[in-house]
Full PDB file with SEQRES, HELIX, SHEET, SSBOND, CRYST1, ORIGX, SCALE, CONECT and MASTER records, all heavy atoms in Angstrom:
SEQRES   1 A   41  PRO TRP PRO PHE PRO SER SER LEU MET ILE GLY CYS HIS          
SEQRES   2 A   41  SER TYR ALA ASP ASP PRO ALA VAL VAL VAL ASP LYS THR          
SEQRES   3 A   41  GLU LEU GLU ASP ALA ARG TRP PHE SER ARG ALA GLU VAL          
SEQRES   4 A   41  GLU ASP                                                      
HELIX    1 AA1 ARG A   36  GLU A   40  1                                   5    
CRYST1    1.000    1.000    1.000  90.00  90.00  90.00 P 1           1          
ORIGX1      1.000000  0.000000  0.000000        0.00000                         
ORIGX2      0.000000  1.000000  0.000000        0.00000                         
ORIGX3      0.000000  0.000000  1.000000        0.00000                         
SCALE1      1.000000  0.000000  0.000000        0.00000                         
SCALE2      0.000000  1.000000  0.000000        0.00000                         
SCALE3      0.000000  0.000000  1.000000        0.00000                         
ATOM      1  N   PRO A   1      33.940  96.895  69.455  1.00  0.00           N  
ATOM      2  CA  PRO A   1      32.554  96.420  69.405  1.00  0.00           C  
ATOM      3  C   PRO A   1      31.618  97.608  69.538  1.00  0.00           C  
ATOM      4  O   PRO A   1      31.833  98.487  70.383  1.00  0.00           O  
ATOM      5  CB  PRO A   1      32.451  95.474  70.620  1.00  0.00           C  
ATOM      6  CG  PRO A   1      33.551  95.895  71.535  1.00  0.00           C  
ATOM      7  CD  PRO A   1      34.629  96.492  70.697  1.00  0.00           C  
ATOM      8  N   TRP A   2      30.592  97.654  68.719  1.00  0.00           N  
ATOM      9  CA  TRP A   2      29.672  98.790  68.689  1.00  0.00           C  
ATOM     10  C   TRP A   2      28.239  98.249  68.799  1.00  0.00           C  
ATOM     11  O   TRP A   2      27.700  97.687  67.845  1.00  0.00           O  
ATOM     12  CB  TRP A   2      29.867  99.583  67.397  1.00  0.00           C  
ATOM     13  CG  TRP A   2      29.097 100.861  67.322  1.00  0.00           C  
ATOM     14  CD1 TRP A   2      28.017 101.129  66.528  1.00  0.00           C  
ATOM     15  CD2 TRP A   2      29.352 102.063  68.064  1.00  0.00           C  
ATOM     16  NE1 TRP A   2      27.591 102.412  66.720  1.00  0.00           N  
ATOM     17  CE2 TRP A   2      28.390 103.014  67.666  1.00  0.00           C  
ATOM     18  CE3 TRP A   2      30.299 102.416  69.029  1.00  0.00           C  
ATOM     19  CZ2 TRP A   2      28.346 104.308  68.195  1.00  0.00           C  
ATOM     20  CZ3 TRP A   2      30.262 103.699  69.559  1.00  0.00           C  
ATOM     21  CH2 TRP A   2      29.297 104.624  69.142  1.00  0.00           C  
ATOM     22  N   PRO A   3      27.602  98.398  69.952  1.00  0.00           N  
ATOM     23  CA  PRO A   3      26.333  97.707  70.207  1.00  0.00           C  
ATOM     24  C   PRO A   3      25.090  98.438  69.724  1.00  0.00           C  
ATOM     25  O   PRO A   3      24.066  98.453  70.408  1.00  0.00           O  
ATOM     26  CB  PRO A   3      26.344  97.592  71.736  1.00  0.00           C  
ATOM     27  CG  PRO A   3      27.038  98.840  72.190  1.00  0.00           C  
ATOM     28  CD  PRO A   3      28.110  99.087  71.152  1.00  0.00           C  
ATOM     29  N   PHE A   4      25.126  99.043  68.538  1.00  0.00           N  
ATOM     30  CA  PHE A   4      23.971  99.781  68.034  1.00  0.00           C  
ATOM     31  C   PHE A   4      23.667  99.412  66.586  1.00  0.00           C  
ATOM     32  O   PHE A   4      23.851 100.223  65.669  1.00  0.00           O  
ATOM     33  CB  PHE A   4      24.227 101.293  68.187  1.00  0.00           C  
ATOM     34  CG  PHE A   4      24.579 101.720  69.566  1.00  0.00           C  
ATOM     35  CD1 PHE A   4      25.893 101.945  69.913  1.00  0.00           C  
ATOM     36  CD2 PHE A   4      23.593 101.854  70.542  1.00  0.00           C  
ATOM     37  CE1 PHE A   4      26.228 102.325  71.209  1.00  0.00           C  
ATOM     38  CE2 PHE A   4      23.927 102.229  71.832  1.00  0.00           C  
ATOM     39  CZ  PHE A   4      25.246 102.467  72.169  1.00  0.00           C  
ATOM     40  N   PRO A   5      23.174  98.163  66.301  1.00  0.00           N  
ATOM     41  CA  PRO A   5      22.829  97.179  67.324  1.00  0.00           C  
ATOM     42  C   PRO A   5      23.944  96.186  67.667  1.00  0.00           C  
ATOM     43  O   PRO A   5      24.071  95.788  68.806  1.00  0.00           O  
ATOM     44  CB  PRO A   5      21.650  96.432  66.708  1.00  0.00           C  
ATOM     45  CG  PRO A   5      21.892  96.524  65.242  1.00  0.00           C  
ATOM     46  CD  PRO A   5      22.583  97.826  64.990  1.00  0.00           C  
ATOM     47  N   SER A   6      24.754  95.762  66.680  1.00  0.00           N  
ATOM     48  CA  SER A   6      25.780  94.761  67.008  1.00  0.00           C  
ATOM     49  C   SER A   6      26.809  94.698  65.895  1.00  0.00           C  
ATOM     50  O   SER A   6      26.801  93.795  65.068  1.00  0.00           O  
ATOM     51  CB  SER A   6      25.144  93.381  67.208  1.00  0.00           C  
ATOM     52  OG  SER A   6      26.107  92.461  67.689  1.00  0.00           O  
ATOM     53  N   SER A   7      27.714  95.673  65.899  1.00  0.00           N  
ATOM     54  CA  SER A   7      28.737  95.745  64.857  1.00  0.00           C  
ATOM     55  C   SER A   7      30.119  95.571  65.463  1.00  0.00           C  
ATOM     56  O   SER A   7      30.306  95.740  66.669  1.00  0.00           O  
ATOM     57  CB  SER A   7      28.677  97.098  64.130  1.00  0.00           C  
ATOM     58  OG  SER A   7      27.446  97.276  63.479  1.00  0.00           O  
ATOM     59  N   LEU A   8      31.070  95.233  64.621  1.00  0.00           N  
ATOM     60  CA  LEU A   8      32.478  95.270  64.984  1.00  0.00           C  
ATOM     61  C   LEU A   8      33.132  96.287  64.069  1.00  0.00           C  
ATOM     62  O   LEU A   8      33.253  96.068  62.860  1.00  0.00           O  
ATOM     63  CB  LEU A   8      33.143  93.906  64.832  1.00  0.00           C  
ATOM     64  CG  LEU A   8      34.637  93.879  65.202  1.00  0.00           C  
ATOM     65  CD1 LEU A   8      34.832  94.170  66.692  1.00  0.00           C  
ATOM     66  CD2 LEU A   8      35.267  92.543  64.847  1.00  0.00           C  
ATOM     67  N   MET A   9      33.518  97.429  64.643  1.00  0.00           N  
ATOM     68  CA  MET A   9      34.146  98.489  63.869  1.00  0.00           C  
ATOM     69  C   MET A   9      35.626  98.143  63.688  1.00  0.00           C  
ATOM     70  O   MET A   9      36.376  98.048  64.667  1.00  0.00           O  
ATOM     71  CB  MET A   9      34.002  99.830  64.578  1.00  0.00           C  
ATOM     72  CG  MET A   9      32.578 100.187  64.980  1.00  0.00           C  
ATOM     73  SD  MET A   9      31.453 100.320  63.574  1.00  0.00           S  
ATOM     74  CE  MET A   9      32.101 101.780  62.759  1.00  0.00           C  
ATOM     75  N   ILE A  10      36.044  97.938  62.445  1.00  0.00           N  
ATOM     76  CA  ILE A  10      37.403  97.511  62.132  1.00  0.00           C  
ATOM     77  C   ILE A  10      38.175  98.731  61.627  1.00  0.00           C  
ATOM     78  O   ILE A  10      37.996  99.170  60.486  1.00  0.00           O  
ATOM     79  CB  ILE A  10      37.394  96.387  61.083  1.00  0.00           C  
ATOM     80  CG1 ILE A  10      36.515  95.217  61.573  1.00  0.00           C  
ATOM     81  CG2 ILE A  10      38.813  95.906  60.799  1.00  0.00           C  
ATOM     82  CD1 ILE A  10      36.218  94.196  60.496  1.00  0.00           C  
ATOM     83  N   GLY A  11      39.001  99.296  62.508  1.00  0.00           N  
ATOM     84  CA  GLY A  11      39.721 100.514  62.178  1.00  0.00           C  
ATOM     85  C   GLY A  11      40.929 100.250  61.304  1.00  0.00           C  
ATOM     86  O   GLY A  11      41.780  99.416  61.634  1.00  0.00           O  
ATOM     87  N   CYS A  12      41.032 100.968  60.186  1.00  0.00           N  
ATOM     88  CA  CYS A  12      42.110 100.758  59.224  1.00  0.00           C  
ATOM     89  C   CYS A  12      42.731 102.081  58.806  1.00  0.00           C  
ATOM     90  O   CYS A  12      42.184 103.162  59.035  1.00  0.00           O  
ATOM     91  CB  CYS A  12      41.575 100.033  57.976  1.00  0.00           C  
ATOM     92  SG  CYS A  12      40.944  98.364  58.291  1.00  0.00           S  
ATOM     93  N   HIS A  13      43.895 101.956  58.169  1.00  0.00           N  
ATOM     94  CA  HIS A  13      44.604 103.101  57.604  1.00  0.00           C  
ATOM     95  C   HIS A  13      44.969 102.761  56.176  1.00  0.00           C  
ATOM     96  O   HIS A  13      45.230 101.594  55.841  1.00  0.00           O  
ATOM     97  CB  HIS A  13      45.867 103.390  58.423  1.00  0.00           C  
ATOM     98  CG  HIS A  13      46.748 104.442  57.846  1.00  0.00           C  
ATOM     99  ND1 HIS A  13      47.791 104.145  56.972  1.00  0.00           N  
ATOM    100  CD2 HIS A  13      46.747 105.790  57.981  1.00  0.00           C  
ATOM    101  CE1 HIS A  13      48.396 105.275  56.630  1.00  0.00           C  
ATOM    102  NE2 HIS A  13      47.789 106.284  57.214  1.00  0.00           N  
ATOM    103  N   SER A  14      44.973 103.772  55.317  1.00  0.00           N  
ATOM    104  CA  SER A  14      45.330 103.544  53.924  1.00  0.00           C  
ATOM    105  C   SER A  14      45.920 104.828  53.348  1.00  0.00           C  
ATOM    106  O   SER A  14      45.892 105.889  53.984  1.00  0.00           O  
ATOM    107  CB  SER A  14      44.103 103.121  53.105  1.00  0.00           C  
ATOM    108  OG  SER A  14      43.115 104.147  53.133  1.00  0.00           O  
ATOM    109  N   TYR A  15      46.452 104.723  52.143  1.00  0.00           N  
ATOM    110  CA  TYR A  15      47.047 105.869  51.460  1.00  0.00           C  
ATOM    111  C   TYR A  15      46.326 106.124  50.139  1.00  0.00           C  
ATOM    112  O   TYR A  15      45.809 105.193  49.508  1.00  0.00           O  
ATOM    113  CB  TYR A  15      48.530 105.620  51.166  1.00  0.00           C  
ATOM    114  CG  TYR A  15      49.411 105.577  52.385  1.00  0.00           C  
ATOM    115  CD1 TYR A  15      49.731 104.360  52.999  1.00  0.00           C  
ATOM    116  CD2 TYR A  15      49.941 106.752  52.932  1.00  0.00           C  
ATOM    117  CE1 TYR A  15      50.549 104.316  54.115  1.00  0.00           C  
ATOM    118  CE2 TYR A  15      50.756 106.714  54.052  1.00  0.00           C  
ATOM    119  CZ  TYR A  15      51.065 105.493  54.637  1.00  0.00           C  
ATOM    120  OH  TYR A  15      51.855 105.454  55.761  1.00  0.00           O  
ATOM    121  N   ALA A  16      46.320 107.397  49.741  1.00  0.00           N  
ATOM    122  CA  ALA A  16      45.782 107.780  48.439  1.00  0.00           C  
ATOM    123  C   ALA A  16      46.864 108.521  47.662  1.00  0.00           C  
ATOM    124  O   ALA A  16      47.602 109.333  48.238  1.00  0.00           O  
ATOM    125  CB  ALA A  16      44.562 108.673  48.596  1.00  0.00           C  
ATOM    126  N   ASP A  17      46.973 108.260  46.364  1.00  0.00           N  
ATOM    127  CA  ASP A  17      47.933 108.972  45.524  1.00  0.00           C  
ATOM    128  C   ASP A  17      47.309 110.211  44.882  1.00  0.00           C  
ATOM    129  O   ASP A  17      47.997 111.194  44.623  1.00  0.00           O  
ATOM    130  CB  ASP A  17      48.459 108.034  44.438  1.00  0.00           C  
ATOM    131  CG  ASP A  17      49.294 106.896  45.030  1.00  0.00           C  
ATOM    132  OD1 ASP A  17      50.068 107.164  45.963  1.00  0.00           O  
ATOM    133  OD2 ASP A  17      49.151 105.759  44.553  1.00  0.00           O  
ATOM    134  N   ASP A  18      46.007 110.157  44.634  1.00  0.00           N  
ATOM    135  CA  ASP A  18      45.300 111.277  44.011  1.00  0.00           C  
ATOM    136  C   ASP A  18      44.304 111.836  45.031  1.00  0.00           C  
ATOM    137  O   ASP A  18      43.382 111.144  45.443  1.00  0.00           O  
ATOM    138  CB  ASP A  18      44.560 110.797  42.760  1.00  0.00           C  
ATOM    139  CG  ASP A  18      43.870 111.929  42.007  1.00  0.00           C  
ATOM    140  OD1 ASP A  18      43.794 113.056  42.546  1.00  0.00           O  
ATOM    141  OD2 ASP A  18      43.406 111.676  40.882  1.00  0.00           O  
ATOM    142  N   PRO A  19      44.447 113.107  45.454  1.00  0.00           N  
ATOM    143  CA  PRO A  19      43.577 113.655  46.490  1.00  0.00           C  
ATOM    144  C   PRO A  19      42.238 114.185  45.989  1.00  0.00           C  
ATOM    145  O   PRO A  19      41.422 114.662  46.793  1.00  0.00           O  
ATOM    146  CB  PRO A  19      44.418 114.807  47.054  1.00  0.00           C  
ATOM    147  CG  PRO A  19      45.200 115.287  45.877  1.00  0.00           C  
ATOM    148  CD  PRO A  19      45.519 114.053  45.071  1.00  0.00           C  
ATOM    149  N   ALA A  20      41.958 114.104  44.700  1.00  0.00           N  
ATOM    150  CA  ALA A  20      40.701 114.632  44.175  1.00  0.00           C  
ATOM    151  C   ALA A  20      39.515 113.918  44.821  1.00  0.00           C  
ATOM    152  O   ALA A  20      39.468 112.682  44.863  1.00  0.00           O  
ATOM    153  CB  ALA A  20      40.659 114.471  42.656  1.00  0.00           C  
ATOM    154  N   VAL A  21      38.554 114.694  45.325  1.00  0.00           N  
ATOM    155  CA  VAL A  21      37.400 114.148  46.039  1.00  0.00           C  
ATOM    156  C   VAL A  21      36.133 114.396  45.229  1.00  0.00           C  
ATOM    157  O   VAL A  21      35.885 115.511  44.757  1.00  0.00           O  
ATOM    158  CB  VAL A  21      37.259 114.795  47.429  1.00  0.00           C  
ATOM    159  CG1 VAL A  21      35.967 114.332  48.114  1.00  0.00           C  
ATOM    160  CG2 VAL A  21      38.468 114.475  48.291  1.00  0.00           C  
ATOM    161  N   VAL A  22      35.329 113.345  45.070  1.00  0.00           N  
ATOM    162  CA  VAL A  22      34.010 113.451  44.449  1.00  0.00           C  
ATOM    163  C   VAL A  22      33.017 112.843  45.436  1.00  0.00           C  
ATOM    164  O   VAL A  22      32.942 111.614  45.573  1.00  0.00           O  
ATOM    165  CB  VAL A  22      33.950 112.723  43.089  1.00  0.00           C  
ATOM    166  CG1 VAL A  22      32.553 112.871  42.491  1.00  0.00           C  
ATOM    167  CG2 VAL A  22      35.007 113.256  42.145  1.00  0.00           C  
ATOM    168  N   VAL A  23      32.272 113.679  46.133  1.00  0.00           N  
ATOM    169  CA  VAL A  23      31.407 113.215  47.214  1.00  0.00           C  
ATOM    170  C   VAL A  23      30.113 112.636  46.667  1.00  0.00           C  
ATOM    171  O   VAL A  23      29.442 113.256  45.836  1.00  0.00           O  
ATOM    172  CB  VAL A  23      31.085 114.369  48.188  1.00  0.00           C  
ATOM    173  CG1 VAL A  23      30.145 113.896  49.290  1.00  0.00           C  
ATOM    174  CG2 VAL A  23      32.368 114.933  48.783  1.00  0.00           C  
ATOM    175  N   ASP A  24      29.772 111.443  47.139  1.00  0.00           N  
ATOM    176  CA  ASP A  24      28.467 110.846  46.849  1.00  0.00           C  
ATOM    177  C   ASP A  24      27.473 111.406  47.861  1.00  0.00           C  
ATOM    178  O   ASP A  24      27.482 111.029  49.028  1.00  0.00           O  
ATOM    179  CB  ASP A  24      28.546 109.323  46.958  1.00  0.00           C  
ATOM    180  CG  ASP A  24      27.212 108.643  46.657  1.00  0.00           C  
ATOM    181  OD1 ASP A  24      26.196 109.350  46.474  1.00  0.00           O  
ATOM    182  OD2 ASP A  24      27.175 107.402  46.629  1.00  0.00           O  
ATOM    183  N   LYS A  25      26.614 112.319  47.410  1.00  0.00           N  
ATOM    184  CA  LYS A  25      25.714 113.012  48.329  1.00  0.00           C  
ATOM    185  C   LYS A  25      24.643 112.103  48.912  1.00  0.00           C  
ATOM    186  O   LYS A  25      23.955 112.481  49.857  1.00  0.00           O  
ATOM    187  CB  LYS A  25      25.050 114.199  47.607  1.00  0.00           C  
ATOM    188  CG  LYS A  25      26.023 115.303  47.210  1.00  0.00           C  
ATOM    189  CD  LYS A  25      26.581 116.011  48.449  1.00  0.00           C  
ATOM    190  CE  LYS A  25      27.436 117.209  48.063  1.00  0.00           C  
ATOM    191  NZ  LYS A  25      27.902 117.969  49.233  1.00  0.00           N  
ATOM    192  N   THR A  26      24.470 110.906  48.337  1.00  0.00           N  
ATOM    193  CA  THR A  26      23.544 109.963  48.967  1.00  0.00           C  
ATOM    194  C   THR A  26      24.170 109.292  50.176  1.00  0.00           C  
ATOM    195  O   THR A  26      23.468 108.687  50.989  1.00  0.00           O  
ATOM    196  CB  THR A  26      23.098 108.878  47.972  1.00  0.00           C  
ATOM    197  OG1 THR A  26      24.235 108.077  47.601  1.00  0.00           O  
ATOM    198  CG2 THR A  26      22.502 109.511  46.716  1.00  0.00           C  
ATOM    199  N   GLU A  27      25.508 109.357  50.278  1.00  0.00           N  
ATOM    200  CA  GLU A  27      26.227 108.742  51.387  1.00  0.00           C  
ATOM    201  C   GLU A  27      26.684 109.775  52.408  1.00  0.00           C  
ATOM    202  O   GLU A  27      26.600 109.558  53.616  1.00  0.00           O  
ATOM    203  CB  GLU A  27      27.452 107.981  50.854  1.00  0.00           C  
ATOM    204  CG  GLU A  27      27.129 106.798  49.959  1.00  0.00           C  
ATOM    205  CD  GLU A  27      26.884 105.526  50.747  1.00  0.00           C  
ATOM    206  OE1 GLU A  27      27.036 105.552  51.970  1.00  0.00           O  
ATOM    207  OE2 GLU A  27      26.545 104.509  50.121  1.00  0.00           O  
ATOM    208  N   LEU A  28      27.205 110.906  51.907  1.00  0.00           N  
ATOM    209  CA  LEU A  28      27.806 111.914  52.783  1.00  0.00           C  
ATOM    210  C   LEU A  28      27.305 113.308  52.414  1.00  0.00           C  
ATOM    211  O   LEU A  28      26.933 113.567  51.265  1.00  0.00           O  
ATOM    212  CB  LEU A  28      29.334 111.898  52.638  1.00  0.00           C  
ATOM    213  CG  LEU A  28      30.090 110.637  53.038  1.00  0.00           C  
ATOM    214  CD1 LEU A  28      31.565 110.792  52.670  1.00  0.00           C  
ATOM    215  CD2 LEU A  28      29.939 110.338  54.522  1.00  0.00           C  
ATOM    216  N   GLU A  29      27.338 114.186  53.388  1.00  0.00           N  
ATOM    217  CA  GLU A  29      27.054 115.592  53.129  1.00  0.00           C  
ATOM    218  C   GLU A  29      28.301 116.293  52.600  1.00  0.00           C  
ATOM    219  O   GLU A  29      28.221 117.184  51.754  1.00  0.00           O  
ATOM    220  CB  GLU A  29      26.575 116.263  54.421  1.00  0.00           C  
ATOM    221  CG  GLU A  29      26.207 117.727  54.274  1.00  0.00           C  
ATOM    222  CD  GLU A  29      25.711 118.312  55.580  1.00  0.00           C  
ATOM    223  OE1 GLU A  29      24.504 118.176  55.860  1.00  0.00           O  
ATOM    224  OE2 GLU A  29      26.538 118.871  56.332  1.00  0.00           O  
ATOM    225  N   ASP A  30      29.468 115.854  53.091  1.00  0.00           N  
ATOM    226  CA  ASP A  30      30.720 116.486  52.687  1.00  0.00           C  
ATOM    227  C   ASP A  30      31.868 115.547  53.024  1.00  0.00           C  
ATOM    228  O   ASP A  30      31.761 114.694  53.920  1.00  0.00           O  
ATOM    229  CB  ASP A  30      30.904 117.818  53.419  1.00  0.00           C  
ATOM    230  CG  ASP A  30      32.113 118.602  52.918  1.00  0.00           C  
ATOM    231  OD1 ASP A  30      32.437 118.483  51.718  1.00  0.00           O  
ATOM    232  OD2 ASP A  30      32.733 119.321  53.722  1.00  0.00           O  
ATOM    233  N   ALA A  31      32.970 115.691  52.319  1.00  0.00           N  
ATOM    234  CA  ALA A  31      34.225 114.997  52.626  1.00  0.00           C  
ATOM    235  C   ALA A  31      35.356 115.909  52.191  1.00  0.00           C  
ATOM    236  O   ALA A  31      35.283 116.524  51.120  1.00  0.00           O  
ATOM    237  CB  ALA A  31      34.310 113.656  51.913  1.00  0.00           C  
ATOM    238  N   ARG A  32      36.385 115.999  53.024  1.00  0.00           N  
ATOM    239  CA  ARG A  32      37.508 116.882  52.692  1.00  0.00           C  
ATOM    240  C   ARG A  32      38.761 116.432  53.428  1.00  0.00           C  
ATOM    241  O   ARG A  32      38.692 115.630  54.354  1.00  0.00           O  
ATOM    242  CB  ARG A  32      37.185 118.336  53.034  1.00  0.00           C  
ATOM    243  CG  ARG A  32      36.961 118.582  54.519  1.00  0.00           C  
ATOM    244  CD  ARG A  32      36.650 120.048  54.798  1.00  0.00           C  
ATOM    245  NE  ARG A  32      35.339 120.418  54.293  1.00  0.00           N  
ATOM    246  CZ  ARG A  32      34.767 121.603  54.540  1.00  0.00           C  
ATOM    247  NH1 ARG A  32      35.423 122.515  55.231  1.00  0.00           N  
ATOM    248  NH2 ARG A  32      33.575 121.865  54.078  1.00  0.00           N  
ATOM    249  N   TRP A  33      39.889 116.986  52.990  1.00  0.00           N  
ATOM    250  CA  TRP A  33      41.174 116.679  53.602  1.00  0.00           C  
ATOM    251  C   TRP A  33      41.461 117.684  54.725  1.00  0.00           C  
ATOM    252  O   TRP A  33      41.195 118.881  54.581  1.00  0.00           O  
ATOM    253  CB  TRP A  33      42.291 116.763  52.562  1.00  0.00           C  
ATOM    254  CG  TRP A  33      42.155 115.731  51.485  1.00  0.00           C  
ATOM    255  CD1 TRP A  33      41.551 115.886  50.267  1.00  0.00           C  
ATOM    256  CD2 TRP A  33      42.618 114.382  51.525  1.00  0.00           C  
ATOM    257  NE1 TRP A  33      41.606 114.719  49.544  1.00  0.00           N  
ATOM    258  CE2 TRP A  33      42.262 113.771  50.294  1.00  0.00           C  
ATOM    259  CE3 TRP A  33      43.304 113.625  52.484  1.00  0.00           C  
ATOM    260  CZ2 TRP A  33      42.568 112.457  49.995  1.00  0.00           C  
ATOM    261  CZ3 TRP A  33      43.610 112.299  52.181  1.00  0.00           C  
ATOM    262  CH2 TRP A  33      43.247 111.718  50.951  1.00  0.00           C  
ATOM    263  N   PHE A  34      42.011 117.159  55.825  1.00  0.00           N  
ATOM    264  CA  PHE A  34      42.407 118.007  56.941  1.00  0.00           C  
ATOM    265  C   PHE A  34      43.889 117.781  57.231  1.00  0.00           C  
ATOM    266  O   PHE A  34      44.356 116.635  57.279  1.00  0.00           O  
ATOM    267  CB  PHE A  34      41.587 117.699  58.190  1.00  0.00           C  
ATOM    268  CG  PHE A  34      40.136 118.080  58.053  1.00  0.00           C  
ATOM    269  CD1 PHE A  34      39.191 117.149  57.648  1.00  0.00           C  
ATOM    270  CD2 PHE A  34      39.716 119.375  58.329  1.00  0.00           C  
ATOM    271  CE1 PHE A  34      37.854 117.499  57.517  1.00  0.00           C  
ATOM    272  CE2 PHE A  34      38.381 119.741  58.196  1.00  0.00           C  
ATOM    273  CZ  PHE A  34      37.449 118.795  57.793  1.00  0.00           C  
ATOM    274  N   SER A  35      44.607 118.875  57.436  1.00  0.00           N  
ATOM    275  CA  SER A  35      46.047 118.790  57.696  1.00  0.00           C  
ATOM    276  C   SER A  35      46.301 118.234  59.087  1.00  0.00           C  
ATOM    277  O   SER A  35      45.417 118.202  59.942  1.00  0.00           O  
ATOM    278  CB  SER A  35      46.677 120.175  57.580  1.00  0.00           C  
ATOM    279  OG  SER A  35      46.254 121.004  58.659  1.00  0.00           O  
ATOM    280  N   ARG A  36      47.550 117.837  59.315  1.00  0.00           N  
ATOM    281  CA  ARG A  36      47.924 117.324  60.637  1.00  0.00           C  
ATOM    282  C   ARG A  36      47.699 118.388  61.709  1.00  0.00           C  
ATOM    283  O   ARG A  36      47.210 118.082  62.794  1.00  0.00           O  
ATOM    284  CB  ARG A  36      49.386 116.870  60.631  1.00  0.00           C  
ATOM    285  CG  ARG A  36      49.836 116.245  61.952  1.00  0.00           C  
ATOM    286  CD  ARG A  36      51.207 115.615  61.809  1.00  0.00           C  
ATOM    287  NE  ARG A  36      51.173 114.512  60.866  1.00  0.00           N  
ATOM    288  CZ  ARG A  36      50.811 113.273  61.182  1.00  0.00           C  
ATOM    289  NH1 ARG A  36      50.444 112.984  62.420  1.00  0.00           N  
ATOM    290  NH2 ARG A  36      50.833 112.312  60.276  1.00  0.00           N  
ATOM    291  N   ALA A  37      48.022 119.624  61.418  1.00  0.00           N  
ATOM    292  CA  ALA A  37      47.826 120.692  62.405  1.00  0.00           C  
ATOM    293  C   ALA A  37      46.349 120.868  62.726  1.00  0.00           C  
ATOM    294  O   ALA A  37      45.973 121.090  63.895  1.00  0.00           O  
ATOM    295  CB  ALA A  37      48.409 122.000  61.874  1.00  0.00           C  
ATOM    296  N   GLU A  38      45.489 120.743  61.729  1.00  0.00           N  
ATOM    297  CA  GLU A  38      44.044 120.880  61.973  1.00  0.00           C  
ATOM    298  C   GLU A  38      43.513 119.716  62.803  1.00  0.00           C  
ATOM    299  O   GLU A  38      42.665 119.906  63.689  1.00  0.00           O  
ATOM    300  CB  GLU A  38      43.305 120.963  60.637  1.00  0.00           C  
ATOM    301  CG  GLU A  38      43.536 122.283  59.907  1.00  0.00           C  
ATOM    302  CD  GLU A  38      42.952 122.279  58.510  1.00  0.00           C  
ATOM    303  OE1 GLU A  38      42.931 121.191  57.854  1.00  0.00           O  
ATOM    304  OE2 GLU A  38      42.540 123.361  58.047  1.00  0.00           O  
ATOM    305  N   VAL A  39      44.010 118.514  62.532  1.00  0.00           N  
ATOM    306  CA  VAL A  39      43.580 117.350  63.313  1.00  0.00           C  
ATOM    307  C   VAL A  39      44.070 117.475  64.757  1.00  0.00           C  
ATOM    308  O   VAL A  39      43.318 117.211  65.701  1.00  0.00           O  
ATOM    309  CB  VAL A  39      44.089 116.047  62.670  1.00  0.00           C  
ATOM    310  CG1 VAL A  39      43.777 114.849  63.574  1.00  0.00           C  
ATOM    311  CG2 VAL A  39      43.459 115.849  61.293  1.00  0.00           C  
ATOM    312  N   GLU A  40      45.325 117.887  64.936  1.00  0.00           N  
ATOM    313  CA  GLU A  40      45.854 118.050  66.296  1.00  0.00           C  
ATOM    314  C   GLU A  40      45.032 119.067  67.080  1.00  0.00           C  
ATOM    315  O   GLU A  40      44.711 118.856  68.258  1.00  0.00           O  
ATOM    316  CB  GLU A  40      47.315 118.480  66.226  1.00  0.00           C  
ATOM    317  CG  GLU A  40      48.251 117.368  65.744  1.00  0.00           C  
ATOM    318  CD  GLU A  40      49.661 117.865  65.516  1.00  0.00           C  
ATOM    319  OE1 GLU A  40      49.871 119.109  65.479  1.00  0.00           O  
ATOM    320  OE2 GLU A  40      50.570 117.014  65.363  1.00  0.00           O  
ATOM    321  N   ASP A  41      44.662 120.160  66.451  1.00  0.00           N  
ATOM    322  CA  ASP A  41      43.854 121.181  67.113  1.00  0.00           C  
ATOM    323  C   ASP A  41      42.474 120.631  67.479  1.00  0.00           C  
ATOM    324  O   ASP A  41      41.977 120.862  68.591  1.00  0.00           O  
ATOM    325  CB  ASP A  41      43.708 122.396  66.189  1.00  0.00           C  
ATOM    326  CG  ASP A  41      42.726 123.420  66.733  1.00  0.00           C  
ATOM    327  OD1 ASP A  41      43.021 124.031  67.787  1.00  0.00           O  
ATOM    328  OD2 ASP A  41      41.650 123.597  66.126  1.00  0.00           O  
TER     329      ASP A  41                                                      
MASTER        0    0    0    1    0    0    0    6  328    1    0    4          
END                                                                             
């Protein structure tokens, strides 16, 4: 539950077969892939 103002954040996992990224700059400043070692760090 996220009270700003009143959302339910539904956490999910998914897979992608093609890693090519095309960022919608109206939505995000950047998007990229991070390795497991980078996430662990």
